[in-house]
Amino acid sequence: MTRPGDPGHAAAARAAQAGAPAGPSRPAGPPSPGGSSRPGGPSRPGDAGTATDAPPAGRAPLSLRGRLLLVLGTLLVAVSAIVGVASVAVFHNAAVDRLDADLEQAVDRAGFALQRQPPGRDDTSDLPGVVLNIPGQEAGTLAAVTRASGDATALYIAEYGRVLQLPDEYTDVLAGVPADGEAHTVEVGELGPFRAQATTRPDWNGVTIVLALPLADVTAATAQLALTTSLVAIIGLALAIWVGWVVISRALAPLERVTAAAQRVSELPLERGDVDLDERVAVDDPRTEVGRLGTAFNRMLGHVGASLSAREQSERKVRRFVADASHELRTPLASIRGYAELTRLHGGKLPDDVVRAIGRIESESLRMTELVEDLLLLARLDEGRELERLPVDLRSLVADAVGDAQVAGPDHEWSVVADDPVSVTGDEPRLRQVLANLLANARVHTPAGTSVEVRLTRAPDAARIVVVDDGPGIDPEVRDSLFERFVRGDSSRSRRAGSTGLGLAIVQAVVDAHGGEVVVESEPGRTAFTVELPLDSRPVVE
């Protein structure tokens, strides 16, 4: 049987642990340089409950200004279309009515001309000329005479008052107009649309007179009105939208100021420290809706600022109390340990139960001393006390820390990967404590035989230290609160392992004080803590 420290002991211990339930859970850790194998990615302190700011997929919605302009433009387009269509329709109907009145007058003039003709005429072929060659008949007027036999003759007034014969196909169109005394619209071939009216009288021996006036002028005037109305509507719409944009922009300017102020407040570090929340919004008129919003927003910022100041004062008192209490407890604890050691080293023989009690006093006082020192360190870091800023050789620091861990945990396999020297500017004792806490965390919360590897690499702008082990992993229930104070991997809060629950909190506080970052990634069989620290421009001399 192998013993701790013997060759092959770690492999044998791992084989003995196969199939056994996982040990106490530990904080989750950051990904190693090789990449993350956990789907959710590495966990960082304070990541729990963080909501994503990514916008929802799909087309971005219109802004309030855009929606108002869209509604305004839609209403203007609808009103302009209704007014334009109604205007053109009314004008066209009125123009047609005037043309029908002119047509009625032309028919009356034709009737007077026919009354002057001798009664009982058999030859009616010249009647179209009779009704056209009278004063008042306009150029473009068409006239057709349809006899009882069905024969028809048609003439029209051309330019300069000439009366010409119409082609037979046009004559047939005019002959088809109903003789009801009403005006009808007919298409006379290439001549275009006409308003035609057919009239017959009993004393005309079955002769029907048809007169037609062209609609071309009416159609052209209607088209011109429609075009003019459209152009005016387009120009008016563009001008109205521009004016609306200016007015809406001025009306929404206070809202934009509120948005900008809220954005600036959201970027302030409100989670800790004394926050000077003096951001306010200028209110033009508190009687308006936007003015009331700005007033309420300013009042809310005042309440938030007062609450943050009260919180900071309370936390400052707590930190001062912890620091003072920790400082004051150091001397009594040192005295207790000293008296216990002095009693144990007394020359006389003491009963066994007394020796055991004194040993317990020494161990508990030592544990309380460590707890007090940790609390004092955290209190000083919370107060923002400056750390030492000296060049630190991380390769030497890692080698020493792994050597100490190997002595403290000979039943684990320890290894270091640090080929190149890496230097940072920082507080060497505090950085040494960071490594000691991470390695102690790996030793305490993993079974015997676990391999623990420490990798030191140089990133483009940071030094990276990764502590990786192949232990059982971290309980997901404690992963998000891993770097909080007094958080232990085992829910029973047992002290058998000597844990105070402050080790990882100290790691985070020290790394943050150096301007770095610590992240954790964990899954069964692999846990990695990654610490990144800003690089020092001065190289380490070997």
Protein backbone atom coordinates (compact mmCIF):
# COMPACT_ATOMS: atom_id res chain seq x y z
CA MET A 1 0.00 0.00 0.00
CA THR A 2 1.43 3.38 -0.98
CA ARG A 3 1.66 6.30 1.37
CA PRO A 4 1.18 10.01 0.67
CA GLY A 5 4.23 11.30 -1.13
CA ASP A 6 5.18 7.91 -2.60
CA PRO A 7 5.24 7.54 -6.42
CA GLY A 8 1.88 6.47 -7.77
CA HIS A 9 0.00 7.38 -4.59
CA ALA A 10 -2.12 10.08 -6.32
CA ALA A 11 -3.20 7.71 -9.12
CA ALA A 12 -4.10 5.03 -6.60
CA ALA A 13 -6.09 7.52 -4.54
CA ARG A 14 -8.04 8.60 -7.63
CA ALA A 15 -8.84 5.00 -8.45
CA ALA A 16 -10.09 4.47 -4.90
CA GLN A 17 -12.30 7.54 -5.19
CA ALA A 18 -13.91 6.36 -8.47
CA GLY A 19 -17.64 5.93 -8.01
CA ALA A 20 -17.61 7.71 -4.62
CA PRO A 21 -19.95 10.71 -4.15
CA ALA A 22 -18.50 14.10 -4.87
CA GLY A 23 -16.91 15.92 -1.96
CA PRO A 24 -17.78 19.37 -0.68
CA SER A 25 -18.57 21.83 -3.42
CA ARG A 26 -16.35 24.75 -4.15
CA PRO A 27 -16.66 28.06 -5.93
CA ALA A 28 -16.80 27.90 -9.67
CA GLY A 29 -13.90 29.38 -11.61
CA PRO A 30 -12.75 31.12 -14.79
CA PRO A 31 -11.82 29.43 -18.01
CA SER A 32 -8.29 28.37 -18.64
CA PRO A 33 -6.37 29.70 -21.65
CA GLY A 34 -7.35 26.58 -23.50
CA GLY A 35 -10.95 27.65 -23.58
CA SER A 36 -14.10 27.03 -21.63
CA SER A 37 -15.86 23.71 -21.67
CA ARG A 38 -18.86 24.84 -19.63
CA PRO A 39 -21.75 25.92 -21.87
CA GLY A 40 -22.61 28.92 -19.75
CA GLY A 41 -19.07 30.32 -19.85
CA PRO A 42 -16.99 31.45 -16.88
CA SER A 43 -18.58 32.89 -13.75
CA ARG A 44 -17.45 36.26 -12.44
CA PRO A 45 -18.08 37.85 -9.07
CA GLY A 46 -21.40 39.66 -9.18
CA ASP A 47 -22.62 37.86 -12.30
CA ALA A 48 -25.60 36.30 -10.51
CA GLY A 49 -28.93 37.74 -11.52
CA THR A 50 -27.43 40.03 -14.16
CA ALA A 51 -29.93 40.74 -16.94
CA THR A 52 -28.77 41.02 -20.49
CA ASP A 53 -28.95 44.41 -22.25
CA ALA A 54 -29.09 42.95 -25.70
CA PRO A 55 -32.04 44.21 -27.71
CA PRO A 56 -34.64 41.68 -28.83
CA ALA A 57 -34.21 40.20 -32.27
CA GLY A 58 -36.18 41.63 -35.16
CA ARG A 59 -36.73 45.06 -36.64
CA ALA A 60 -36.12 47.93 -34.27
CA PRO A 61 -39.32 49.75 -33.28
CA LEU A 62 -39.92 53.33 -34.32
CA SER A 63 -39.04 56.05 -31.86
CA LEU A 64 -41.72 58.24 -30.34
CA ARG A 65 -40.75 61.05 -32.71
CA GLY A 66 -40.98 58.66 -35.66
CA ARG A 67 -44.39 57.36 -34.58
CA LEU A 68 -45.76 60.88 -34.13
CA LEU A 69 -44.45 61.95 -37.53
CA LEU A 70 -45.86 58.80 -39.10
CA VAL A 71 -49.29 59.46 -37.62
CA LEU A 72 -49.12 63.12 -38.66
CA GLY A 73 -48.04 62.23 -42.20
CA THR A 74 -50.72 59.55 -42.51
CA LEU A 75 -53.44 61.95 -41.40
CA LEU A 76 -52.20 64.66 -43.74
CA VAL A 77 -52.04 62.24 -46.66
CA ALA A 78 -55.55 60.97 -45.92
CA VAL A 79 -57.01 64.48 -45.57
CA SER A 80 -55.17 65.72 -48.68
CA ALA A 81 -56.37 62.73 -50.69
CA ILE A 82 -59.98 63.19 -49.57
CA VAL A 83 -59.93 66.93 -50.21
CA GLY A 84 -58.16 66.51 -53.56
CA VAL A 85 -60.43 63.76 -54.85
CA ALA A 86 -63.53 65.63 -53.70
CA SER A 87 -62.33 68.89 -55.28
CA VAL A 88 -61.48 67.27 -58.60
CA ALA A 89 -64.78 65.37 -58.64
CA VAL A 90 -66.82 68.50 -57.86
CA PHE A 91 -64.94 70.52 -60.46
CA HIS A 92 -65.38 67.81 -63.10
CA ASN A 93 -69.10 67.48 -62.45
CA ALA A 94 -69.53 71.24 -62.51
CA ALA A 95 -67.63 71.50 -65.80
CA VAL A 96 -69.72 68.71 -67.32
CA ASP A 97 -72.88 70.46 -66.14
CA ARG A 98 -71.75 73.68 -67.81
CA LEU A 99 -70.99 71.76 -70.99
CA ASP A 100 -74.44 70.17 -70.84
CA ALA A 101 -75.96 73.63 -70.48
CA ASP A 102 -74.03 74.76 -73.56
CA LEU A 103 -75.21 71.62 -75.35
CA GLU A 104 -78.81 72.39 -74.38
CA GLN A 105 -78.44 75.90 -75.81
CA ALA A 106 -76.97 74.49 -79.01
CA VAL A 107 -79.96 72.15 -79.32
CA ASP A 108 -82.33 75.07 -78.79
CA ARG A 109 -80.58 77.07 -81.49
CA ALA A 110 -80.83 74.09 -83.81
CA GLY A 111 -84.56 73.82 -83.07
CA PHE A 112 -85.11 77.47 -83.94
CA ALA A 113 -83.20 76.97 -87.19
CA LEU A 114 -85.32 73.96 -88.12
CA GLN A 115 -88.55 75.84 -87.42
CA ARG A 116 -87.61 78.34 -90.11
CA GLN A 117 -87.40 75.61 -92.71
CA PRO A 118 -90.39 75.15 -95.10
CA PRO A 119 -92.82 72.45 -93.89
CA GLY A 120 -93.17 69.14 -95.69
CA ARG A 121 -89.63 68.95 -97.05
CA ASP A 122 -88.69 65.62 -98.48
CA ASP A 123 -84.96 66.28 -98.83
CA THR A 124 -83.38 66.39 -95.34
CA SER A 125 -79.78 65.81 -96.33
CA ASP A 126 -78.82 69.42 -95.70
CA LEU A 127 -80.33 69.64 -92.24
CA PRO A 128 -76.99 69.00 -90.41
CA GLY A 129 -75.57 71.99 -92.21
CA VAL A 130 -78.64 74.00 -91.28
CA VAL A 131 -78.22 73.36 -87.55
CA LEU A 132 -74.47 74.04 -87.67
CA ASN A 133 -74.39 77.16 -89.86
CA ILE A 134 -76.13 79.39 -87.37
CA PRO A 135 -74.63 81.97 -85.08
CA GLY A 136 -73.42 80.66 -81.68
CA GLN A 137 -72.43 77.17 -82.70
CA GLU A 138 -68.83 76.56 -81.57
CA ALA A 139 -65.98 74.88 -83.42
CA GLY A 140 -65.87 71.17 -82.73
CA THR A 141 -69.66 70.81 -82.59
CA LEU A 142 -70.97 67.65 -84.23
CA ALA A 143 -74.44 67.36 -85.80
CA ALA A 144 -76.22 64.31 -87.19
CA VAL A 145 -79.65 63.84 -88.76
CA THR A 146 -81.29 60.43 -88.58
CA ARG A 147 -84.28 59.82 -90.81
CA ALA A 148 -87.19 57.50 -90.20
CA SER A 149 -85.71 55.12 -92.77
CA GLY A 150 -82.55 54.79 -90.61
CA ASP A 151 -80.27 56.76 -92.91
CA ALA A 152 -78.07 59.27 -91.14
CA THR A 153 -75.90 62.19 -92.18
CA ALA A 154 -73.34 63.85 -89.93
CA LEU A 155 -71.26 67.02 -90.18
CA TYR A 156 -68.95 68.92 -87.82
CA ILE A 157 -67.57 72.41 -87.49
CA ALA A 158 -63.84 72.42 -88.11
CA GLU A 159 -61.36 75.23 -87.56
CA TYR A 160 -62.17 78.61 -89.02
CA GLY A 161 -65.89 77.72 -89.05
CA ARG A 162 -65.73 75.22 -91.92
CA VAL A 163 -68.44 72.56 -91.91
CA LEU A 164 -67.12 69.14 -92.98
CA GLN A 165 -68.53 65.66 -93.45
CA LEU A 166 -67.98 63.08 -90.71
CA PRO A 167 -66.86 59.55 -91.60
CA ASP A 168 -69.59 56.93 -91.63
CA GLU A 169 -68.28 55.14 -88.48
CA TYR A 170 -68.57 58.36 -86.50
CA THR A 171 -72.03 58.96 -87.96
CA ASP A 172 -73.18 55.57 -86.70
CA VAL A 173 -71.97 56.48 -83.16
CA LEU A 174 -74.03 59.67 -83.18
CA ALA A 175 -77.05 57.90 -84.67
CA GLY A 176 -76.98 55.49 -81.72
CA VAL A 177 -77.59 58.21 -79.10
CA PRO A 178 -81.05 57.71 -77.45
CA ALA A 179 -83.56 60.40 -78.40
CA ASP A 180 -84.62 61.06 -74.80
CA GLY A 181 -83.59 64.69 -74.58
CA GLU A 182 -80.79 63.89 -72.11
CA ALA A 183 -77.03 64.39 -72.54
CA HIS A 184 -74.93 61.25 -72.93
CA THR A 185 -71.18 60.70 -73.11
CA VAL A 186 -70.05 58.94 -76.27
CA GLU A 187 -66.65 58.05 -77.71
CA VAL A 188 -66.36 59.32 -81.28
CA GLY A 189 -63.29 57.40 -82.41
CA GLU A 190 -60.11 59.42 -82.59
CA LEU A 191 -62.04 62.63 -81.87
CA GLY A 192 -62.39 61.55 -78.26
CA PRO A 193 -65.30 61.77 -75.82
CA PHE A 194 -68.31 64.01 -76.52
CA ARG A 195 -71.48 64.96 -74.71
CA ALA A 196 -74.30 64.23 -77.16
CA GLN A 197 -78.05 64.91 -77.02
CA ALA A 198 -80.65 63.59 -79.49
CA THR A 199 -84.01 65.37 -80.03
CA THR A 200 -87.00 64.57 -82.17
CA ARG A 201 -90.36 66.29 -82.66
CA PRO A 202 -93.65 65.12 -84.19
CA ASP A 203 -93.59 67.87 -86.83
CA TRP A 204 -90.15 66.77 -88.05
CA ASN A 205 -91.58 63.76 -89.92
CA GLY A 206 -89.50 61.20 -87.91
CA VAL A 207 -86.25 63.14 -88.23
CA THR A 208 -83.95 63.05 -85.18
CA ILE A 209 -81.36 65.74 -84.66
CA VAL A 210 -78.21 64.85 -82.68
CA LEU A 211 -75.76 67.52 -81.45
CA ALA A 212 -72.50 66.79 -79.58
CA LEU A 213 -69.90 69.00 -77.87
CA PRO A 214 -66.33 67.81 -77.12
CA LEU A 215 -65.26 66.86 -73.58
CA ALA A 216 -61.57 67.42 -74.31
CA ASP A 217 -61.42 70.84 -72.64
CA VAL A 218 -63.25 69.54 -69.59
CA THR A 219 -60.95 66.51 -69.33
CA ALA A 220 -57.82 68.67 -69.75
CA ALA A 221 -59.00 71.13 -67.10
CA THR A 222 -59.81 68.29 -64.71
CA ALA A 223 -56.40 66.69 -65.26
CA GLN A 224 -54.67 70.03 -64.74
CA LEU A 225 -56.58 70.56 -61.49
CA ALA A 226 -55.69 67.06 -60.30
CA LEU A 227 -52.02 67.62 -61.08
CA THR A 228 -51.98 71.01 -59.39
CA THR A 229 -53.78 69.64 -56.35
CA SER A 230 -51.31 66.73 -56.10
CA LEU A 231 -48.27 69.01 -56.32
CA VAL A 232 -49.67 71.42 -53.77
CA ALA A 233 -50.56 68.49 -51.47
CA ILE A 234 -47.05 67.02 -51.76
CA ILE A 235 -45.40 70.36 -51.05
CA GLY A 236 -47.80 71.02 -48.21
CA LEU A 237 -47.20 67.53 -46.80
CA ALA A 238 -43.42 67.98 -46.88
CA LEU A 239 -43.70 71.39 -45.26
CA ALA A 240 -46.13 70.09 -42.61
CA ILE A 241 -43.85 67.13 -41.79
CA TRP A 242 -40.84 69.45 -41.48
CA VAL A 243 -42.76 71.83 -39.22
CA GLY A 244 -44.09 68.84 -37.27
CA TRP A 245 -40.56 67.47 -36.88
CA VAL A 246 -39.33 70.79 -35.51
CA VAL A 247 -42.28 71.15 -33.13
CA ILE A 248 -42.13 67.52 -31.97
CA SER A 249 -38.36 67.70 -31.49
CA ARG A 250 -38.72 70.77 -29.31
CA ALA A 251 -41.54 69.14 -27.37
CA LEU A 252 -39.51 65.95 -26.85
CA ALA A 253 -36.25 67.71 -25.97
CA PRO A 254 -36.99 67.50 -22.21
CA LEU A 255 -37.59 63.75 -22.61
CA GLU A 256 -34.22 63.41 -24.31
CA ARG A 257 -32.62 65.27 -21.40
CA VAL A 258 -34.31 62.86 -18.99
CA THR A 259 -33.05 59.91 -21.05
CA ALA A 260 -29.51 61.29 -21.15
CA ALA A 261 -29.53 61.89 -17.39
CA ALA A 262 -30.85 58.38 -16.73
CA GLN A 263 -28.14 56.96 -18.99
CA ARG A 264 -25.43 58.86 -17.12
CA VAL A 265 -26.81 57.70 -13.78
CA SER A 266 -26.92 54.10 -15.01
CA GLU A 267 -23.19 54.29 -15.77
CA LEU A 268 -22.26 55.45 -12.28
CA PRO A 269 -20.71 52.86 -9.90
CA LEU A 270 -23.58 52.72 -7.41
CA GLU A 271 -22.83 49.33 -5.89
CA ARG A 272 -20.34 50.61 -3.33
CA GLY A 273 -18.53 53.67 -2.11
CA ASP A 274 -19.68 57.23 -1.56
CA VAL A 275 -21.72 58.17 -4.64
CA ASP A 276 -22.12 61.85 -5.52
CA LEU A 277 -25.48 61.69 -7.29
CA ASP A 278 -25.88 65.35 -8.24
CA GLU A 279 -27.33 64.63 -11.69
CA ARG A 280 -30.53 66.59 -12.32
CA VAL A 281 -32.76 67.46 -15.29
CA ALA A 282 -33.58 71.04 -16.26
CA VAL A 283 -37.36 71.56 -16.10
CA ASP A 284 -38.76 74.33 -18.31
CA ASP A 285 -42.36 74.30 -17.10
CA PRO A 286 -43.42 71.95 -14.30
CA ARG A 287 -47.09 72.38 -15.29
CA THR A 288 -46.71 70.39 -18.53
CA GLU A 289 -46.67 66.61 -18.78
CA VAL A 290 -42.97 66.54 -19.64
CA GLY A 291 -42.25 69.05 -16.90
CA ARG A 292 -44.02 66.90 -14.33
CA LEU A 293 -41.99 63.91 -15.53
CA GLY A 294 -38.73 65.83 -15.12
CA THR A 295 -39.76 67.03 -11.66
CA ALA A 296 -40.64 63.49 -10.58
CA PHE A 297 -37.35 62.21 -12.03
CA ASN A 298 -35.35 64.81 -10.10
CA ARG A 299 -37.22 63.93 -6.91
CA MET A 300 -36.47 60.25 -7.49
CA LEU A 301 -32.75 61.00 -8.00
CA GLY A 302 -32.77 62.96 -4.76
CA HIS A 303 -34.29 60.03 -2.87
CA VAL A 304 -31.81 57.60 -4.45
CA GLY A 305 -28.88 59.88 -3.61
CA ALA A 306 -30.03 60.22 -0.01
CA SER A 307 -30.47 56.45 0.28
CA LEU A 308 -27.02 55.78 -1.17
CA SER A 309 -25.44 58.28 1.22
CA ALA A 310 -27.22 56.67 4.17
CA ARG A 311 -26.10 53.23 3.00
CA GLU A 312 -22.50 54.37 2.61
CA GLN A 313 -22.49 55.93 6.07
CA SER A 314 -23.88 52.72 7.55
CA GLU A 315 -21.35 50.57 5.70
CA ARG A 316 -18.56 52.89 6.75
CA LYS A 317 -19.57 52.51 10.38
CA VAL A 318 -19.67 48.72 9.98
CA ARG A 319 -16.25 48.67 8.31
CA ARG A 320 -14.82 50.90 11.01
CA PHE A 321 -16.32 48.69 13.70
CA VAL A 322 -14.93 45.52 12.07
CA ALA A 323 -11.50 47.11 11.66
CA ASP A 324 -11.42 48.43 15.23
CA ALA A 325 -12.78 45.19 16.69
CA SER A 326 -10.31 43.09 14.69
CA HIS A 327 -7.44 45.33 15.72
CA GLU A 328 -8.44 45.25 19.39
CA LEU A 329 -8.88 41.46 19.37
CA ARG A 330 -5.36 40.79 18.12
CA THR A 331 -3.71 41.54 21.49
CA PRO A 332 -6.10 39.44 23.65
CA LEU A 333 -5.84 36.54 21.25
CA ALA A 334 -2.05 36.74 21.27
CA SER A 335 -2.15 36.76 25.08
CA ILE A 336 -4.43 33.72 25.17
CA ARG A 337 -2.10 31.81 22.85
CA GLY A 338 0.92 32.88 24.88
CA TYR A 339 -0.54 31.80 28.20
CA ALA A 340 -1.69 28.49 26.68
CA GLU A 341 1.79 27.77 25.34
CA LEU A 342 3.37 28.83 28.60
CA THR A 343 1.10 26.50 30.56
CA ARG A 344 1.77 23.60 28.18
CA LEU A 345 5.56 24.17 28.42
CA HIS A 346 5.44 24.19 32.25
CA GLY A 347 7.92 21.79 33.76
CA GLY A 348 5.38 19.96 35.89
CA LYS A 349 3.24 17.09 34.68
CA LEU A 350 -0.32 18.06 33.84
CA PRO A 351 -3.35 15.78 33.64
CA ASP A 352 -4.24 14.54 30.17
CA ASP A 353 -7.56 16.33 30.06
CA VAL A 354 -5.85 19.62 30.98
CA VAL A 355 -3.26 19.12 28.22
CA ARG A 356 -6.06 18.40 25.75
CA ALA A 357 -8.00 21.51 26.85
CA ILE A 358 -4.92 23.69 26.52
CA GLY A 359 -4.31 22.29 23.02
CA ARG A 360 -7.87 23.14 22.07
CA ILE A 361 -7.40 26.66 23.44
CA GLU A 362 -4.27 27.07 21.30
CA SER A 363 -5.92 25.77 18.09
CA GLU A 364 -9.09 27.84 18.53
CA SER A 365 -7.14 30.98 19.37
CA LEU A 366 -5.02 30.40 16.27
CA ARG A 367 -8.17 29.98 14.16
CA MET A 368 -9.70 33.13 15.66
CA THR A 369 -6.45 35.01 15.01
CA GLU A 370 -6.59 34.02 11.34
CA LEU A 371 -10.23 35.07 11.15
CA VAL A 372 -9.47 38.43 12.77
CA GLU A 373 -6.53 39.00 10.41
CA ASP A 374 -8.74 38.20 7.41
CA LEU A 375 -11.49 40.53 8.62
CA LEU A 376 -8.97 43.30 9.25
CA LEU A 377 -7.51 42.88 5.76
CA LEU A 378 -10.97 43.01 4.15
CA ALA A 379 -11.91 46.07 6.17
CA ARG A 380 -8.73 47.87 5.09
CA LEU A 381 -9.31 46.94 1.45
CA ASP A 382 -12.91 48.14 1.69
CA GLU A 383 -11.67 51.47 3.01
CA GLY A 384 -9.55 51.80 -0.12
CA ARG A 385 -6.18 51.80 1.58
CA GLU A 386 -3.29 51.86 -0.85
CA LEU A 387 -1.34 48.67 -1.40
CA GLU A 388 2.37 48.50 -1.99
CA ARG A 389 3.31 49.10 -5.61
CA LEU A 390 6.55 47.25 -6.25
CA PRO A 391 7.70 44.89 -9.03
CA VAL A 392 6.64 41.33 -8.23
CA ASP A 393 8.11 38.27 -9.97
CA LEU A 394 5.06 36.06 -10.42
CA ARG A 395 7.05 33.01 -11.55
CA SER A 396 8.96 32.95 -8.29
CA LEU A 397 5.77 33.65 -6.38
CA VAL A 398 3.96 30.73 -8.06
CA ALA A 399 6.84 28.36 -7.45
CA ASP A 400 6.97 29.23 -3.73
CA ALA A 401 3.19 28.93 -3.31
CA VAL A 402 3.05 25.51 -5.01
CA GLY A 403 5.98 24.32 -2.90
CA ASP A 404 4.16 25.33 0.28
CA ALA A 405 0.97 23.66 -0.93
CA GLN A 406 2.84 20.44 -1.69
CA VAL A 407 4.08 20.32 1.87
CA ALA A 408 0.59 21.03 3.24
CA GLY A 409 -1.10 18.54 0.92
CA PRO A 410 1.24 15.67 0.02
CA ASP A 411 -1.71 13.49 -1.01
CA HIS A 412 -2.38 15.76 -4.03
CA GLU A 413 -0.39 15.98 -7.26
CA TRP A 414 0.97 19.50 -7.73
CA SER A 415 2.54 20.89 -10.90
CA VAL A 416 3.59 24.26 -12.29
CA VAL A 417 3.66 25.48 -15.90
CA ALA A 418 5.59 28.78 -15.97
CA ASP A 419 8.23 28.98 -18.67
CA ASP A 420 8.73 32.73 -19.05
CA PRO A 421 9.26 35.26 -16.26
CA VAL A 422 6.27 37.52 -15.75
CA SER A 423 6.31 40.67 -13.64
CA VAL A 424 3.53 42.90 -12.32
CA THR A 425 3.45 45.93 -10.08
CA GLY A 426 1.69 45.16 -6.82
CA ASP A 427 1.77 44.13 -3.19
CA GLU A 428 3.78 40.90 -2.96
CA PRO A 429 2.43 39.69 0.43
CA ARG A 430 -1.17 40.22 -0.74
CA LEU A 431 -0.57 38.46 -4.10
CA ARG A 432 1.13 35.63 -2.23
CA GLN A 433 -2.00 35.35 -0.08
CA VAL A 434 -4.15 35.17 -3.24
CA LEU A 435 -2.19 32.16 -4.50
CA ALA A 436 -2.16 30.55 -1.06
CA ASN A 437 -5.95 30.90 -0.73
CA LEU A 438 -6.60 29.44 -4.20
CA LEU A 439 -4.29 26.48 -3.61
CA ALA A 440 -5.72 25.88 -0.13
CA ASN A 441 -9.20 25.97 -1.66
CA ALA A 442 -8.16 23.31 -4.18
CA ARG A 443 -6.54 21.18 -1.46
CA VAL A 444 -9.41 21.36 1.05
CA HIS A 445 -12.32 20.81 -1.34
CA THR A 446 -10.92 17.98 -3.48
CA PRO A 447 -10.22 14.36 -2.52
CA ALA A 448 -6.78 12.88 -2.11
CA GLY A 449 -5.01 12.12 -5.38
CA THR A 450 -6.44 15.14 -7.22
CA SER A 451 -4.11 16.78 -9.71
CA VAL A 452 -3.71 20.56 -9.26
CA GLU A 453 -1.87 22.53 -11.90
CA VAL A 454 -0.88 26.20 -11.77
CA ARG A 455 -0.26 27.88 -15.13
CA LEU A 456 1.42 31.27 -15.49
CA THR A 457 1.16 32.88 -18.91
CA ARG A 458 1.52 36.34 -20.40
CA ALA A 459 -1.47 37.82 -22.20
CA PRO A 460 -1.16 40.88 -24.46
CA ASP A 461 -1.87 43.29 -21.61
CA ALA A 462 -2.12 41.15 -18.49
CA ALA A 463 -0.48 38.36 -16.53
CA ARG A 464 -2.71 35.31 -16.22
CA ILE A 465 -2.57 32.75 -13.42
CA VAL A 466 -4.82 29.70 -13.79
CA VAL A 467 -5.30 27.16 -11.00
CA VAL A 468 -6.86 24.01 -12.50
CA ASP A 469 -7.79 20.77 -10.75
CA ASP A 470 -9.59 17.60 -11.83
CA GLY A 471 -11.72 17.35 -8.72
CA PRO A 472 -15.48 16.81 -8.47
CA GLY A 473 -16.35 20.41 -9.36
CA ILE A 474 -18.42 23.09 -7.66
CA ASP A 475 -21.99 22.81 -6.48
CA PRO A 476 -24.09 25.01 -8.84
CA GLU A 477 -26.08 26.25 -5.83
CA VAL A 478 -23.07 28.10 -4.41
CA ARG A 479 -21.38 29.01 -7.68
CA ASP A 480 -23.01 32.43 -8.02
CA SER A 481 -22.25 33.43 -4.42
CA LEU A 482 -18.78 31.93 -4.40
CA PHE A 483 -16.82 35.13 -3.80
CA GLU A 484 -19.11 36.47 -1.09
CA ARG A 485 -17.94 36.56 2.49
CA PHE A 486 -18.54 33.65 4.85
CA VAL A 487 -19.58 31.39 1.96
CA ARG A 488 -18.37 27.80 2.29
CA GLY A 489 -18.49 24.99 -0.19
CA ASP A 490 -20.35 22.71 2.24
CA SER A 491 -23.85 23.73 3.27
CA SER A 492 -23.30 22.42 6.81
CA ARG A 493 -20.81 25.25 7.48
CA SER A 494 -18.50 22.73 9.09
CA ARG A 495 -15.22 24.06 10.46
CA ARG A 496 -13.41 20.74 10.41
CA ALA A 497 -11.42 21.83 7.37
CA GLY A 498 -10.46 25.09 9.05
CA SER A 499 -12.30 27.27 6.51
CA THR A 500 -13.58 30.69 7.58
CA GLY A 501 -15.44 31.36 4.35
CA LEU A 502 -13.29 34.45 3.67
CA GLY A 503 -10.55 32.97 1.47
CA LEU A 504 -12.15 33.63 -1.92
CA ALA A 505 -13.57 36.96 -0.74
CA ILE A 506 -9.99 38.02 0.05
CA VAL A 507 -8.89 36.77 -3.38
CA GLN A 508 -11.46 38.94 -5.11
CA ALA A 509 -10.78 42.00 -2.92
CA VAL A 510 -7.00 41.83 -3.46
CA VAL A 511 -7.30 41.24 -7.20
CA ASP A 512 -9.78 44.12 -7.52
CA ALA A 513 -7.41 46.36 -5.56
CA HIS A 514 -4.71 45.56 -8.13
CA GLY A 515 -7.06 46.45 -11.00
CA GLY A 516 -7.37 42.83 -12.10
CA GLU A 517 -10.12 40.27 -12.48
CA VAL A 518 -10.82 36.80 -11.12
CA VAL A 519 -13.24 34.39 -12.79
CA VAL A 520 -14.14 30.77 -12.18
CA GLU A 521 -15.34 27.90 -14.33
CA SER A 522 -16.34 24.49 -13.05
CA GLU A 523 -17.83 21.20 -14.17
CA PRO A 524 -17.38 17.66 -12.86
CA GLY A 525 -13.76 16.71 -13.48
CA ARG A 526 -12.45 20.21 -14.06
CA THR A 527 -12.42 23.44 -12.04
CA ALA A 528 -10.37 26.47 -13.03
CA PHE A 529 -9.77 29.78 -11.26
CA THR A 530 -8.24 32.44 -13.51
CA VAL A 531 -6.62 35.59 -12.12
CA GLU A 532 -5.61 38.36 -14.53
CA LEU A 533 -3.38 41.23 -13.34
CA PRO A 534 -2.14 44.25 -15.31
CA LEU A 535 1.41 43.76 -16.62
CA ASP A 536 4.42 45.67 -15.40
CA SER A 537 6.42 47.32 -18.15
CA ARG A 538 9.69 46.55 -16.33
CA PRO A 539 10.93 43.03 -17.17
CA VAL A 540 12.19 40.66 -14.48
CA VAL A 541 15.97 40.20 -14.53
CA GLU A 542 16.91 36.53 -14.17
